[in-house]
Amino acid sequence: MKRLLSLALVSFAAATAVAATAVEEFTLTIKNHAFEPKEITIPAGKKIKLLVVNKDATPAEFESKPLGREKVIPGQSTGTVNLGPLKPGRYPFVEEYHENDAAAQGTIVVQ
């Protein structure tokens, strides 16, 4: 009985550790070379996974110089950008192939 209880406690501890390290996901969509939403808020001090969904037929490039991230996302596909942990602030990003278009710009707000 002691052994069964010990195994149950170890299993619970392992499951709790996995849940505690789960990475939160946020989604950013590109359609007609424009980002939706334009601004995304993420938690400070935590690692997150940013899913960039490119609904256009052509490739797009998510780029943020302040974050040091570049990711080319082929047309009609999804790319993953891992971020964090980040300090509070505002981090701009662009769709590099159309960066002079205001619709192709956005901001990650870290709070």
PDB file of N, CA and C in Angstrom:
ATOM      1  N   MET A   1       0.826  -1.192   0.000  1.00  0.00           N
ATOM      2  CA  MET A   1       0.000   0.000   0.000  1.00  0.00           C
ATOM      3  C   MET A   1       0.869   1.254   0.000  1.00  0.00           C
ATOM      4  N   LYS A   2       1.981   1.219   0.775  1.00  0.00           N
ATOM      5  CA  LYS A   2       2.893   2.359   0.802  1.00  0.00           C
ATOM      6  C   LYS A   2       3.479   2.616  -0.577  1.00  0.00           C
ATOM      7  N   ARG A   3       3.828   1.537  -1.254  1.00  0.00           N
ATOM      8  CA  ARG A   3       4.417   1.651  -2.588  1.00  0.00           C
ATOM      9  C   ARG A   3       3.415   2.281  -3.566  1.00  0.00           C
ATOM     10  N   LEU A   4       2.170   1.883  -3.495  1.00  0.00           N
ATOM     11  CA  LEU A   4       1.133   2.424  -4.359  1.00  0.00           C
ATOM     12  C   LEU A   4       0.942   3.918  -4.089  1.00  0.00           C
ATOM     13  N   LEU A   5       0.946   4.310  -2.829  1.00  0.00           N
ATOM     14  CA  LEU A   5       0.817   5.709  -2.470  1.00  0.00           C
ATOM     15  C   LEU A   5       2.016   6.504  -2.965  1.00  0.00           C
ATOM     16  N   SER A   6       3.195   5.946  -2.831  1.00  0.00           N
ATOM     17  CA  SER A   6       4.409   6.618  -3.313  1.00  0.00           C
ATOM     18  C   SER A   6       4.354   6.827  -4.817  1.00  0.00           C
ATOM     19  N   LEU A   7       3.918   5.800  -5.544  1.00  0.00           N
ATOM     20  CA  LEU A   7       3.800   5.925  -6.998  1.00  0.00           C
ATOM     21  C   LEU A   7       2.771   6.983  -7.377  1.00  0.00           C
ATOM     22  N   ALA A   8       1.680   7.032  -6.668  1.00  0.00           N
ATOM     23  CA  ALA A   8       0.641   8.030  -6.938  1.00  0.00           C
ATOM     24  C   ALA A   8       1.179   9.434  -6.698  1.00  0.00           C
ATOM     25  N   LEU A   9       1.933   9.629  -5.628  1.00  0.00           N
ATOM     26  CA  LEU A   9       2.510  10.944  -5.330  1.00  0.00           C
ATOM     27  C   LEU A   9       3.534  11.354  -6.377  1.00  0.00           C
ATOM     28  N   VAL A  10       4.349  10.428  -6.821  1.00  0.00           N
ATOM     29  CA  VAL A  10       5.343  10.723  -7.859  1.00  0.00           C
ATOM     30  C   VAL A  10       4.633  11.093  -9.161  1.00  0.00           C
ATOM     31  N   SER A  11       3.597  10.361  -9.536  1.00  0.00           N
ATOM     32  CA  SER A  11       2.837  10.658 -10.748  1.00  0.00           C
ATOM     33  C   SER A  11       2.188  12.029 -10.663  1.00  0.00           C
ATOM     34  N   PHE A  12       1.617  12.350  -9.507  1.00  0.00           N
ATOM     35  CA  PHE A  12       0.987  13.658  -9.309  1.00  0.00           C
ATOM     36  C   PHE A  12       2.018  14.764  -9.418  1.00  0.00           C
ATOM     37  N   ALA A  13       3.173  14.586  -8.799  1.00  0.00           N
ATOM     38  CA  ALA A  13       4.236  15.596  -8.842  1.00  0.00           C
ATOM     39  C   ALA A  13       4.712  15.812 -10.278  1.00  0.00           C
ATOM     40  N   ALA A  14       4.862  14.742 -11.029  1.00  0.00           N
ATOM     41  CA  ALA A  14       5.302  14.856 -12.417  1.00  0.00           C
ATOM     42  C   ALA A  14       4.260  15.592 -13.259  1.00  0.00           C
ATOM     43  N   ALA A  15       2.998  15.256 -13.076  1.00  0.00           N
ATOM     44  CA  ALA A  15       1.926  15.917 -13.822  1.00  0.00           C
ATOM     45  C   ALA A  15       1.852  17.393 -13.465  1.00  0.00           C
ATOM     46  N   THR A  16       2.037  17.722 -12.201  1.00  0.00           N
ATOM     47  CA  THR A  16       2.015  19.110 -11.752  1.00  0.00           C
ATOM     48  C   THR A  16       3.179  19.882 -12.359  1.00  0.00           C
ATOM     49  N   ALA A  17       4.354  19.284 -12.412  1.00  0.00           N
ATOM     50  CA  ALA A  17       5.528  19.933 -12.990  1.00  0.00           C
ATOM     51  C   ALA A  17       5.319  20.215 -14.470  1.00  0.00           C
ATOM     52  N   VAL A  18       4.732  19.275 -15.203  1.00  0.00           N
ATOM     53  CA  VAL A  18       4.461  19.467 -16.624  1.00  0.00           C
ATOM     54  C   VAL A  18       3.455  20.592 -16.805  1.00  0.00           C
ATOM     55  N   ALA A  19       2.404  20.613 -16.016  1.00  0.00           N
ATOM     56  CA  ALA A  19       1.387  21.660 -16.116  1.00  0.00           C
ATOM     57  C   ALA A  19       1.981  23.025 -15.790  1.00  0.00           C
ATOM     58  N   ALA A  20       2.879  23.071 -14.825  1.00  0.00           N
ATOM     59  CA  ALA A  20       3.483  24.343 -14.418  1.00  0.00           C
ATOM     60  C   ALA A  20       4.395  24.900 -15.503  1.00  0.00           C
ATOM     61  N   THR A  21       4.969  24.037 -16.332  1.00  0.00           N
ATOM     62  CA  THR A  21       5.873  24.497 -17.372  1.00  0.00           C
ATOM     63  C   THR A  21       5.180  24.615 -18.734  1.00  0.00           C
ATOM     64  N   ALA A  22       3.879  24.408 -18.792  1.00  0.00           N
ATOM     65  CA  ALA A  22       3.145  24.528 -20.051  1.00  0.00           C
ATOM     66  C   ALA A  22       3.312  25.945 -20.589  1.00  0.00           C
ATOM     67  N   VAL A  23       3.537  26.041 -21.884  1.00  0.00           N
ATOM     68  CA  VAL A  23       3.747  27.327 -22.527  1.00  0.00           C
ATOM     69  C   VAL A  23       2.425  27.810 -23.102  1.00  0.00           C
ATOM     70  N   GLU A  24       2.061  29.032 -22.753  1.00  0.00           N
ATOM     71  CA  GLU A  24       0.817  29.616 -23.244  1.00  0.00           C
ATOM     72  C   GLU A  24       0.977  29.985 -24.722  1.00  0.00           C
ATOM     73  N   GLU A  25      -0.085  29.779 -25.513  1.00  0.00           N
ATOM     74  CA  GLU A  25      -0.057  30.081 -26.939  1.00  0.00           C
ATOM     75  C   GLU A  25      -0.926  31.287 -27.262  1.00  0.00           C
ATOM     76  N   PHE A  26      -0.439  32.094 -28.203  1.00  0.00           N
ATOM     77  CA  PHE A  26      -1.163  33.245 -28.712  1.00  0.00           C
ATOM     78  C   PHE A  26      -1.137  33.159 -30.227  1.00  0.00           C
ATOM     79  N   THR A  27      -2.201  33.633 -30.884  1.00  0.00           N
ATOM     80  CA  THR A  27      -2.287  33.526 -32.336  1.00  0.00           C
ATOM     81  C   THR A  27      -2.357  34.905 -32.982  1.00  0.00           C
ATOM     82  N   LEU A  28      -1.583  35.045 -34.049  1.00  0.00           N
ATOM     83  CA  LEU A  28      -1.539  36.247 -34.860  1.00  0.00           C
ATOM     84  C   LEU A  28      -1.804  35.794 -36.293  1.00  0.00           C
ATOM     85  N   THR A  29      -2.721  36.459 -36.988  1.00  0.00           N
ATOM     86  CA  THR A  29      -3.089  36.055 -38.342  1.00  0.00           C
ATOM     87  C   THR A  29      -2.643  37.106 -39.348  1.00  0.00           C
ATOM     88  N   ILE A  30      -2.150  36.639 -40.486  1.00  0.00           N
ATOM     89  CA  ILE A  30      -1.815  37.521 -41.604  1.00  0.00           C
ATOM     90  C   ILE A  30      -2.794  37.207 -42.729  1.00  0.00           C
ATOM     91  N   LYS A  31      -3.512  38.242 -43.179  1.00  0.00           N
ATOM     92  CA  LYS A  31      -4.444  38.092 -44.302  1.00  0.00           C
ATOM     93  C   LYS A  31      -4.384  39.386 -45.105  1.00  0.00           C
ATOM     94  N   ASN A  32      -4.203  39.268 -46.411  1.00  0.00           N
ATOM     95  CA  ASN A  32      -4.020  40.435 -47.276  1.00  0.00           C
ATOM     96  C   ASN A  32      -2.846  41.287 -46.792  1.00  0.00           C
ATOM     97  N   HIS A  33      -1.813  40.622 -46.327  1.00  0.00           N
ATOM     98  CA  HIS A  33      -0.574  41.237 -45.831  1.00  0.00           C
ATOM     99  C   HIS A  33      -0.795  42.112 -44.600  1.00  0.00           C
ATOM    100  N   ALA A  34      -1.898  41.908 -43.898  1.00  0.00           N
ATOM    101  CA  ALA A  34      -2.219  42.689 -42.698  1.00  0.00           C
ATOM    102  C   ALA A  34      -2.306  41.766 -41.487  1.00  0.00           C
ATOM    103  N   PHE A  35      -1.865  42.261 -40.337  1.00  0.00           N
ATOM    104  CA  PHE A  35      -1.926  41.491 -39.096  1.00  0.00           C
ATOM    105  C   PHE A  35      -3.265  41.679 -38.404  1.00  0.00           C
ATOM    106  N   GLU A  36      -3.740  40.608 -37.815  1.00  0.00           N
ATOM    107  CA  GLU A  36      -4.949  40.636 -36.989  1.00  0.00           C
ATOM    108  C   GLU A  36      -4.696  39.748 -35.784  1.00  0.00           C
ATOM    109  N   PRO A  37      -4.748  40.219 -34.592  1.00  0.00           N
ATOM    110  CA  PRO A  37      -4.949  41.623 -34.220  1.00  0.00           C
ATOM    111  C   PRO A  37      -3.674  42.434 -34.450  1.00  0.00           C
ATOM    112  N   LYS A  38      -3.816  43.737 -34.446  1.00  0.00           N
ATOM    113  CA  LYS A  38      -2.690  44.659 -34.612  1.00  0.00           C
ATOM    114  C   LYS A  38      -1.837  44.704 -33.354  1.00  0.00           C
ATOM    115  N   GLU A  39      -2.490  44.448 -32.231  1.00  0.00           N
ATOM    116  CA  GLU A  39      -1.798  44.488 -30.946  1.00  0.00           C
ATOM    117  C   GLU A  39      -2.170  43.240 -30.164  1.00  0.00           C
ATOM    118  N   ILE A  40      -1.175  42.612 -29.599  1.00  0.00           N
ATOM    119  CA  ILE A  40      -1.399  41.399 -28.828  1.00  0.00           C
ATOM    120  C   ILE A  40      -0.726  41.588 -27.471  1.00  0.00           C
ATOM    121  N   THR A  41      -1.420  41.225 -26.400  1.00  0.00           N
ATOM    122  CA  THR A  41      -0.881  41.386 -25.051  1.00  0.00           C
ATOM    123  C   THR A  41      -0.510  40.028 -24.492  1.00  0.00           C
ATOM    124  N   ILE A  42       0.727  39.945 -23.986  1.00  0.00           N
ATOM    125  CA  ILE A  42       1.216  38.696 -23.411  1.00  0.00           C
ATOM    126  C   ILE A  42       1.747  38.972 -22.003  1.00  0.00           C
ATOM    127  N   PRO A  43       1.849  37.935 -21.178  1.00  0.00           N
ATOM    128  CA  PRO A  43       2.329  38.135 -19.808  1.00  0.00           C
ATOM    129  C   PRO A  43       3.844  38.317 -19.737  1.00  0.00           C
ATOM    130  N   ALA A  44       4.273  39.193 -18.846  1.00  0.00           N
ATOM    131  CA  ALA A  44       5.701  39.411 -18.612  1.00  0.00           C
ATOM    132  C   ALA A  44       6.278  38.235 -17.829  1.00  0.00           C
ATOM    133  N   GLY A  45       7.558  37.974 -18.068  1.00  0.00           N
ATOM    134  CA  GLY A  45       8.264  36.975 -17.280  1.00  0.00           C
ATOM    135  C   GLY A  45       7.932  35.531 -17.586  1.00  0.00           C
ATOM    136  N   LYS A  46       7.213  35.281 -18.683  1.00  0.00           N
ATOM    137  CA  LYS A  46       6.842  33.908 -19.037  1.00  0.00           C
ATOM    138  C   LYS A  46       7.210  33.621 -20.479  1.00  0.00           C
ATOM    139  N   LYS A  47       7.538  32.366 -20.752  1.00  0.00           N
ATOM    140  CA  LYS A  47       7.755  31.942 -22.126  1.00  0.00           C
ATOM    141  C   LYS A  47       6.400  31.751 -22.783  1.00  0.00           C
ATOM    142  N   ILE A  48       6.291  32.182 -24.034  1.00  0.00           N
ATOM    143  CA  ILE A  48       5.049  31.981 -24.775  1.00  0.00           C
ATOM    144  C   ILE A  48       5.368  31.470 -26.181  1.00  0.00           C
ATOM    145  N   LYS A  49       4.349  30.906 -26.800  1.00  0.00           N
ATOM    146  CA  LYS A  49       4.457  30.438 -28.174  1.00  0.00           C
ATOM    147  C   LYS A  49       3.504  31.299 -28.997  1.00  0.00           C
ATOM    148  N   LEU A  50       4.054  32.012 -29.979  1.00  0.00           N
ATOM    149  CA  LEU A  50       3.251  32.834 -30.869  1.00  0.00           C
ATOM    150  C   LEU A  50       3.038  32.058 -32.170  1.00  0.00           C
ATOM    151  N   LEU A  51       1.784  31.727 -32.447  1.00  0.00           N
ATOM    152  CA  LEU A  51       1.440  31.037 -33.687  1.00  0.00           C
ATOM    153  C   LEU A  51       1.079  32.102 -34.717  1.00  0.00           C
ATOM    154  N   VAL A  52       1.825  32.145 -35.818  1.00  0.00           N
ATOM    155  CA  VAL A  52       1.574  33.121 -36.874  1.00  0.00           C
ATOM    156  C   VAL A  52       0.945  32.371 -38.045  1.00  0.00           C
ATOM    157  N   VAL A  53      -0.330  32.654 -38.279  1.00  0.00           N
ATOM    158  CA  VAL A  53      -1.104  31.969 -39.314  1.00  0.00           C
ATOM    159  C   VAL A  53      -1.120  32.851 -40.562  1.00  0.00           C
ATOM    160  N   ASN A  54      -0.521  32.357 -41.636  1.00  0.00           N
ATOM    161  CA  ASN A  54      -0.494  33.095 -42.895  1.00  0.00           C
ATOM    162  C   ASN A  54      -1.616  32.573 -43.787  1.00  0.00           C
ATOM    163  N   LYS A  55      -2.664  33.365 -43.932  1.00  0.00           N
ATOM    164  CA  LYS A  55      -3.807  32.964 -44.766  1.00  0.00           C
ATOM    165  C   LYS A  55      -3.641  33.393 -46.222  1.00  0.00           C
ATOM    166  N   ASP A  56      -2.564  34.122 -46.502  1.00  0.00           N
ATOM    167  CA  ASP A  56      -2.288  34.531 -47.879  1.00  0.00           C
ATOM    168  C   ASP A  56      -1.676  33.369 -48.664  1.00  0.00           C
ATOM    169  N   ALA A  57      -1.747  33.465 -49.993  1.00  0.00           N
ATOM    170  CA  ALA A  57      -1.170  32.430 -50.847  1.00  0.00           C
ATOM    171  C   ALA A  57       0.349  32.562 -50.959  1.00  0.00           C
ATOM    172  N   THR A  58       0.858  33.754 -50.657  1.00  0.00           N
ATOM    173  CA  THR A  58       2.289  34.023 -50.785  1.00  0.00           C
ATOM    174  C   THR A  58       2.970  33.994 -49.414  1.00  0.00           C
ATOM    175  N   PRO A  59       4.284  33.788 -49.384  1.00  0.00           N
ATOM    176  CA  PRO A  59       4.999  33.781 -48.099  1.00  0.00           C
ATOM    177  C   PRO A  59       4.946  35.153 -47.420  1.00  0.00           C
ATOM    178  N   ALA A  60       5.090  35.130 -46.119  1.00  0.00           N
ATOM    179  CA  ALA A  60       5.158  36.352 -45.317  1.00  0.00           C
ATOM    180  C   ALA A  60       6.292  36.175 -44.314  1.00  0.00           C
ATOM    181  N   GLU A  61       6.851  37.297 -43.870  1.00  0.00           N
ATOM    182  CA  GLU A  61       7.909  37.203 -42.874  1.00  0.00           C
ATOM    183  C   GLU A  61       7.559  38.040 -41.653  1.00  0.00           C
ATOM    184  N   PHE A  62       7.377  37.348 -40.519  1.00  0.00           N
ATOM    185  CA  PHE A  62       7.206  38.020 -39.238  1.00  0.00           C
ATOM    186  C   PHE A  62       8.594  38.464 -38.806  1.00  0.00           C
ATOM    187  N   GLU A  63       8.754  39.769 -38.518  1.00  0.00           N
ATOM    188  CA  GLU A  63      10.048  40.259 -38.051  1.00  0.00           C
ATOM    189  C   GLU A  63       9.856  41.272 -36.929  1.00  0.00           C
ATOM    190  N   SER A  64      10.645  41.111 -35.880  1.00  0.00           N
ATOM    191  CA  SER A  64      10.688  42.079 -34.790  1.00  0.00           C
ATOM    192  C   SER A  64      12.148  42.268 -34.395  1.00  0.00           C
ATOM    193  N   LYS A  65      12.698  43.402 -34.769  1.00  0.00           N
ATOM    194  CA  LYS A  65      14.093  43.686 -34.409  1.00  0.00           C
ATOM    195  C   LYS A  65      14.265  43.803 -32.903  1.00  0.00           C
ATOM    196  N   PRO A  66      13.335  44.470 -32.169  1.00  0.00           N
ATOM    197  CA  PRO A  66      13.499  44.548 -30.710  1.00  0.00           C
ATOM    198  C   PRO A  66      13.479  43.175 -30.029  1.00  0.00           C
ATOM    199  N   LEU A  67      12.749  42.227 -30.611  1.00  0.00           N
ATOM    200  CA  LEU A  67      12.686  40.874 -30.047  1.00  0.00           C
ATOM    201  C   LEU A  67      13.762  39.958 -30.613  1.00  0.00           C
ATOM    202  N   GLY A  68      14.427  40.403 -31.683  1.00  0.00           N
ATOM    203  CA  GLY A  68      15.443  39.574 -32.316  1.00  0.00           C
ATOM    204  C   GLY A  68      14.865  38.333 -32.970  1.00  0.00           C
ATOM    205  N   ARG A  69      13.696  38.474 -33.597  1.00  0.00           N
ATOM    206  CA  ARG A  69      13.022  37.329 -34.203  1.00  0.00           C
ATOM    207  C   ARG A  69      12.667  37.611 -35.654  1.00  0.00           C
ATOM    208  N   GLU A  70      12.902  36.616 -36.507  1.00  0.00           N
ATOM    209  CA  GLU A  70      12.486  36.613 -37.907  1.00  0.00           C
ATOM    210  C   GLU A  70      11.967  35.224 -38.218  1.00  0.00           C
ATOM    211  N   LYS A  71      10.854  35.164 -38.913  1.00  0.00           N
ATOM    212  CA  LYS A  71      10.297  33.853 -39.259  1.00  0.00           C
ATOM    213  C   LYS A  71       9.538  33.982 -40.578  1.00  0.00           C
ATOM    214  N   VAL A  72       9.983  33.248 -41.586  1.00  0.00           N
ATOM    215  CA  VAL A  72       9.265  33.199 -42.856  1.00  0.00           C
ATOM    216  C   VAL A  72       8.191  32.131 -42.730  1.00  0.00           C
ATOM    217  N   ILE A  73       6.958  32.521 -43.075  1.00  0.00           N
ATOM    218  CA  ILE A  73       5.836  31.589 -43.018  1.00  0.00           C
ATOM    219  C   ILE A  73       5.323  31.406 -44.451  1.00  0.00           C
ATOM    220  N   PRO A  74       5.463  30.203 -44.995  1.00  0.00           N
ATOM    221  CA  PRO A  74       4.956  29.968 -46.354  1.00  0.00           C
ATOM    222  C   PRO A  74       3.460  30.281 -46.451  1.00  0.00           C
ATOM    223  N   GLY A  75       2.991  30.517 -47.662  1.00  0.00           N
ATOM    224  CA  GLY A  75       1.567  30.771 -47.873  1.00  0.00           C
ATOM    225  C   GLY A  75       0.708  29.626 -47.371  1.00  0.00           C
ATOM    226  N   GLN A  76      -0.453  29.986 -46.838  1.00  0.00           N
ATOM    227  CA  GLN A  76      -1.429  29.004 -46.347  1.00  0.00           C
ATOM    228  C   GLN A  76      -0.838  28.051 -45.307  1.00  0.00           C
ATOM    229  N   SER A  77      -0.036  28.596 -44.394  1.00  0.00           N
ATOM    230  CA  SER A  77       0.537  27.735 -43.349  1.00  0.00           C
ATOM    231  C   SER A  77       0.734  28.534 -42.059  1.00  0.00           C
ATOM    232  N   THR A  78       1.198  27.829 -41.031  1.00  0.00           N
ATOM    233  CA  THR A  78       1.389  28.426 -39.709  1.00  0.00           C
ATOM    234  C   THR A  78       2.835  28.249 -39.278  1.00  0.00           C
ATOM    235  N   GLY A  79       3.396  29.316 -38.739  1.00  0.00           N
ATOM    236  CA  GLY A  79       4.746  29.270 -38.186  1.00  0.00           C
ATOM    237  C   GLY A  79       4.698  29.529 -36.702  1.00  0.00           C
ATOM    238  N   THR A  80       5.696  29.059 -35.984  1.00  0.00           N
ATOM    239  CA  THR A  80       5.770  29.245 -34.537  1.00  0.00           C
ATOM    240  C   THR A  80       6.964  30.126 -34.193  1.00  0.00           C
ATOM    241  N   VAL A  81       6.719  31.140 -33.361  1.00  0.00           N
ATOM    242  CA  VAL A  81       7.774  32.014 -32.869  1.00  0.00           C
ATOM    243  C   VAL A  81       7.763  31.903 -31.350  1.00  0.00           C
ATOM    244  N   ASN A  82       8.839  31.400 -30.784  1.00  0.00           N
ATOM    245  CA  ASN A  82       8.946  31.284 -29.329  1.00  0.00           C
ATOM    246  C   ASN A  82       9.498  32.583 -28.762  1.00  0.00           C
ATOM    247  N   LEU A  83       8.842  33.076 -27.706  1.00  0.00           N
ATOM    248  CA  LEU A  83       9.240  34.340 -27.091  1.00  0.00           C
ATOM    249  C   LEU A  83       9.351  34.188 -25.581  1.00  0.00           C
ATOM    250  N   GLY A  84      10.165  35.049 -24.999  1.00  0.00           N
ATOM    251  CA  GLY A  84      10.197  35.174 -23.554  1.00  0.00           C
ATOM    252  C   GLY A  84      11.223  34.307 -22.874  1.00  0.00           C
ATOM    253  N   PRO A  85      11.242  34.520 -21.576  1.00  0.00           N
ATOM    254  CA  PRO A  85      10.455  35.504 -20.821  1.00  0.00           C
ATOM    255  C   PRO A  85      10.896  36.931 -21.153  1.00  0.00           C
ATOM    256  N   LEU A  86       9.916  37.835 -21.238  1.00  0.00           N
ATOM    257  CA  LEU A  86      10.169  39.221 -21.613  1.00  0.00           C
ATOM    258  C   LEU A  86       9.845  40.172 -20.475  1.00  0.00           C
ATOM    259  N   LYS A  87      10.513  41.314 -20.493  1.00  0.00           N
ATOM    260  CA  LYS A  87      10.225  42.390 -19.535  1.00  0.00           C
ATOM    261  C   LYS A  87       9.033  43.186 -20.061  1.00  0.00           C
ATOM    262  N   PRO A  88       8.289  43.839 -19.163  1.00  0.00           N
ATOM    263  CA  PRO A  88       7.169  44.671 -19.614  1.00  0.00           C
ATOM    264  C   PRO A  88       7.645  45.725 -20.622  1.00  0.00           C
ATOM    265  N   GLY A  89       6.802  45.975 -21.610  1.00  0.00           N
ATOM    266  CA  GLY A  89       7.128  46.972 -22.626  1.00  0.00           C
ATOM    267  C   GLY A  89       6.328  46.733 -23.883  1.00  0.00           C
ATOM    268  N   ARG A  90       6.658  47.516 -24.909  1.00  0.00           N
ATOM    269  CA  ARG A  90       5.998  47.424 -26.205  1.00  0.00           C
ATOM    270  C   ARG A  90       7.055  47.016 -27.229  1.00  0.00           C
ATOM    271  N   TYR A  91       6.765  45.975 -27.987  1.00  0.00           N
ATOM    272  CA  TYR A  91       7.706  45.420 -28.950  1.00  0.00           C
ATOM    273  C   TYR A  91       7.058  45.412 -30.335  1.00  0.00           C
ATOM    274  N   PRO A  92       7.477  46.318 -31.221  1.00  0.00           N
ATOM    275  CA  PRO A  92       6.877  46.356 -32.558  1.00  0.00           C
ATOM    276  C   PRO A  92       7.314  45.172 -33.416  1.00  0.00           C
ATOM    277  N   PHE A  93       6.455  44.833 -34.395  1.00  0.00           N
ATOM    278  CA  PHE A  93       6.772  43.801 -35.373  1.00  0.00           C
ATOM    279  C   PHE A  93       6.209  44.220 -36.723  1.00  0.00           C
ATOM    280  N   VAL A  94       6.719  43.626 -37.800  1.00  0.00           N
ATOM    281  CA  VAL A  94       6.257  43.932 -39.155  1.00  0.00           C
ATOM    282  C   VAL A  94       6.175  42.653 -39.966  1.00  0.00           C
ATOM    283  N   GLU A  95       5.414  42.728 -41.053  1.00  0.00           N
ATOM    284  CA  GLU A  95       5.479  41.696 -42.094  1.00  0.00           C
ATOM    285  C   GLU A  95       6.495  42.278 -43.066  1.00  0.00           C
ATOM    286  N   GLU A  96       7.717  41.772 -42.994  1.00  0.00           N
ATOM    287  CA  GLU A  96       8.858  42.433 -43.632  1.00  0.00           C
ATOM    288  C   GLU A  96       8.681  42.680 -45.125  1.00  0.00           C
ATOM    289  N   TYR A  97       7.997  41.808 -45.837  1.00  0.00           N
ATOM    290  CA  TYR A  97       7.848  41.986 -47.276  1.00  0.00           C
ATOM    291  C   TYR A  97       6.940  43.179 -47.618  1.00  0.00           C
ATOM    292  N   HIS A  98       6.185  43.675 -46.629  1.00  0.00           N
ATOM    293  CA  HIS A  98       5.279  44.810 -46.837  1.00  0.00           C
ATOM    294  C   HIS A  98       5.401  45.814 -45.689  1.00  0.00           C
ATOM    295  N   GLU A  99       6.593  45.968 -45.133  1.00  0.00           N
ATOM    296  CA  GLU A  99       6.766  46.736 -43.897  1.00  0.00           C
ATOM    297  C   GLU A  99       6.400  48.217 -44.003  1.00  0.00           C
ATOM    298  N   ASN A 100       6.330  48.787 -45.209  1.00  0.00           N
ATOM    299  CA  ASN A 100       5.960  50.194 -45.339  1.00  0.00           C
ATOM    300  C   ASN A 100       4.447  50.410 -45.321  1.00  0.00           C
ATOM    301  N   ASP A 101       3.699  49.332 -45.334  1.00  0.00           N
ATOM    302  CA  ASP A 101       2.236  49.393 -45.269  1.00  0.00           C
ATOM    303  C   ASP A 101       1.830  49.349 -43.795  1.00  0.00           C
ATOM    304  N   ALA A 102       1.060  50.304 -43.339  1.00  0.00           N
ATOM    305  CA  ALA A 102       0.655  50.375 -41.929  1.00  0.00           C
ATOM    306  C   ALA A 102      -0.080  49.117 -41.487  1.00  0.00           C
ATOM    307  N   ALA A 103      -0.800  48.471 -42.405  1.00  0.00           N
ATOM    308  CA  ALA A 103      -1.544  47.244 -42.053  1.00  0.00           C
ATOM    309  C   ALA A 103      -0.603  46.096 -41.743  1.00  0.00           C
ATOM    310  N   ALA A 104       0.638  46.185 -42.225  1.00  0.00           N
ATOM    311  CA  ALA A 104       1.622  45.106 -42.046  1.00  0.00           C
ATOM    312  C   ALA A 104       2.494  45.343 -40.814  1.00  0.00           C
ATOM    313  N   GLN A 105       2.003  46.156 -39.883  1.00  0.00           N
ATOM    314  CA  GLN A 105       2.750  46.461 -38.662  1.00  0.00           C
ATOM    315  C   GLN A 105       1.879  46.191 -37.448  1.00  0.00           C
ATOM    316  N   GLY A 106       2.528  45.843 -36.343  1.00  0.00           N
ATOM    317  CA  GLY A 106       1.791  45.585 -35.117  1.00  0.00           C
ATOM    318  C   GLY A 106       2.697  45.712 -33.912  1.00  0.00           C
ATOM    319  N   THR A 107       2.121  45.415 -32.742  1.00  0.00           N
ATOM    320  CA  THR A 107       2.865  45.561 -31.492  1.00  0.00           C
ATOM    321  C   THR A 107       2.507  44.432 -30.538  1.00  0.00           C
ATOM    322  N   ILE A 108       3.526  43.889 -29.900  1.00  0.00           N
ATOM    323  CA  ILE A 108       3.335  42.965 -28.785  1.00  0.00           C
ATOM    324  C   ILE A 108       3.489  43.789 -27.519  1.00  0.00           C
ATOM    325  N   VAL A 109       2.460  43.772 -26.680  1.00  0.00           N
ATOM    326  CA  VAL A 109       2.495  44.490 -25.414  1.00  0.00           C
ATOM    327  C   VAL A 109       2.733  43.450 -24.314  1.00  0.00           C
ATOM    328  N   VAL A 110       3.772  43.656 -23.544  1.00  0.00           N
ATOM    329  CA  VAL A 110       4.115  42.730 -22.472  1.00  0.00           C
ATOM    330  C   VAL A 110       3.774  43.408 -21.150  1.00  0.00           C
ATOM    331  N   GLN A 111       2.913  42.754 -20.371  1.00  0.00           N
ATOM    332  CA  GLN A 111       2.486  43.310 -19.075  1.00  0.00           C
ATOM    333  C   GLN A 111       2.704  42.300 -17.976  1.00  0.00           C
TER     334      GLN A 111
END
